[in-house]
Amino acid sequence: MIRVHAQTKDHCPDLIVISGHAGAAVDAPDLICAEVSAVSIGTLNALDIQCPGSCDLQMDTGYVSIKVRKPNDTVNVILNTLMIQLQMIADAHSEYVQIEKVEV
């Protein structure tokens, strides 16, 4: 199961943690993991290029963490786009992707 924990602060993204593996494919490439990886890595690249130093970014096998340090409109757009993409994946594959959203 891929789990997404998304925190917002004053309705703006503050922390997004993606962890786990879908485990959807046994004898073939796991396309659900590939979908989540593609949108996650694309987001990390966009943040690194468009908003350097605005977020603490961590990535490891089966794990991505984005902690906003310096919120701004560009960071908000990039992270809201990530959440829309993840929600669409979760809607199509709810047995493999779970999203938890909390306001802090």
Protein backbone atom coordinates (compact mmCIF):
# COMPACT_ATOMS: atom_id res chain seq x y z
CA MET A 1 0.00 0.00 0.00
CA ILE A 2 1.23 3.47 -0.87
CA ARG A 3 0.30 5.98 1.81
CA VAL A 4 0.22 9.73 1.29
CA HIS A 5 0.11 12.01 4.33
CA ALA A 6 -0.60 15.62 3.39
CA GLN A 7 -0.63 18.42 5.94
CA THR A 8 -1.87 21.90 5.20
CA LYS A 9 -1.40 25.02 7.28
CA ASP A 10 -3.82 27.88 6.66
CA HIS A 11 -5.08 25.83 3.67
CA CYS A 12 -1.62 25.81 2.03
CA PRO A 13 0.58 22.72 1.64
CA ASP A 14 2.99 22.30 4.58
CA LEU A 15 4.16 18.68 4.51
CA ILE A 16 3.66 15.78 2.10
CA VAL A 17 5.02 12.32 2.86
CA ILE A 18 4.62 9.45 0.40
CA SER A 19 5.67 6.01 1.59
CA GLY A 20 5.32 2.34 0.80
CA HIS A 21 4.87 0.25 -2.30
CA ALA A 22 1.67 -0.68 -4.09
CA GLY A 23 2.59 -4.34 -4.52
CA ALA A 24 0.12 -4.44 -7.40
CA ALA A 25 2.24 -6.57 -9.73
CA VAL A 26 3.87 -9.83 -8.80
CA ASP A 27 5.62 -10.92 -12.02
CA ALA A 28 5.69 -7.60 -13.91
CA PRO A 29 6.66 -3.97 -13.35
CA ASP A 30 4.41 -2.30 -10.82
CA LEU A 31 2.75 0.42 -12.88
CA ILE A 32 1.01 2.03 -9.90
CA CYS A 33 4.35 2.54 -8.16
CA ALA A 34 5.71 3.87 -11.43
CA GLU A 35 2.86 6.40 -11.68
CA VAL A 36 3.40 7.65 -8.12
CA SER A 37 7.18 7.74 -8.60
CA ALA A 38 6.89 9.72 -11.83
CA VAL A 39 4.68 12.46 -10.38
CA SER A 40 6.71 12.56 -7.14
CA ILE A 41 10.10 12.86 -8.83
CA GLY A 42 8.72 15.41 -11.28
CA THR A 43 7.50 17.46 -8.32
CA LEU A 44 10.87 17.26 -6.54
CA ASN A 45 12.61 18.40 -9.72
CA ALA A 46 10.15 21.29 -10.20
CA LEU A 47 10.62 22.46 -6.61
CA ASP A 48 14.40 22.19 -6.86
CA ILE A 49 14.54 24.18 -10.11
CA GLN A 50 11.69 26.68 -9.63
CA CYS A 51 11.94 27.27 -5.86
CA PRO A 52 15.42 26.34 -4.63
CA GLY A 53 15.69 26.32 -0.85
CA SER A 54 11.95 26.68 -0.29
CA CYS A 55 11.44 23.07 0.85
CA ASP A 56 13.31 20.29 2.62
CA LEU A 57 13.26 17.42 0.10
CA GLN A 58 14.00 13.78 0.90
CA MET A 59 13.81 10.77 -1.37
CA ASP A 60 14.66 7.13 -0.82
CA THR A 61 13.31 3.83 -2.06
CA GLY A 62 9.59 3.87 -1.32
CA TYR A 63 9.77 7.25 0.43
CA VAL A 64 9.39 10.92 -0.48
CA SER A 65 9.10 13.80 1.98
CA ILE A 66 8.47 17.44 1.15
CA LYS A 67 8.49 19.92 4.04
CA VAL A 68 7.75 23.53 3.09
CA ARG A 69 10.19 25.95 4.72
CA LYS A 70 9.43 29.12 2.75
CA PRO A 71 5.88 29.07 1.41
CA ASN A 72 5.10 31.02 -1.74
CA ASP A 73 2.61 30.92 -4.60
CA THR A 74 4.83 28.80 -6.86
CA VAL A 75 5.38 26.18 -4.14
CA ASN A 76 1.63 26.09 -3.50
CA VAL A 77 0.84 25.55 -7.20
CA ILE A 78 3.44 22.80 -7.57
CA LEU A 79 2.31 20.94 -4.43
CA ASN A 80 -1.39 21.34 -5.18
CA THR A 81 -0.71 19.90 -8.64
CA LEU A 82 1.07 16.94 -7.02
CA MET A 83 -1.93 16.33 -4.78
CA ILE A 84 -4.34 16.46 -7.73
CA GLN A 85 -2.22 13.90 -9.59
CA LEU A 86 -1.96 11.63 -6.54
CA GLN A 87 -5.70 11.90 -5.92
CA MET A 88 -6.41 10.82 -9.50
CA ILE A 89 -4.12 7.80 -9.07
CA ALA A 90 -5.79 6.97 -5.74
CA ASP A 91 -9.26 7.31 -7.30
CA ALA A 92 -8.29 4.82 -10.02
CA HIS A 93 -6.43 2.44 -7.67
CA SER A 94 -7.91 2.91 -4.20
CA GLU A 95 -6.88 -0.59 -3.13
CA TYR A 96 -3.22 0.39 -3.57
CA VAL A 97 -3.05 4.11 -2.74
CA GLN A 98 -4.44 5.79 0.40
CA ILE A 99 -4.40 9.56 1.01
CA GLU A 100 -4.77 11.19 4.41
CA LYS A 101 -5.22 14.98 4.51
CA VAL A 102 -5.02 17.01 7.71
CA GLU A 103 -5.08 20.72 8.53
CA VAL A 104 -2.66 21.74 11.30
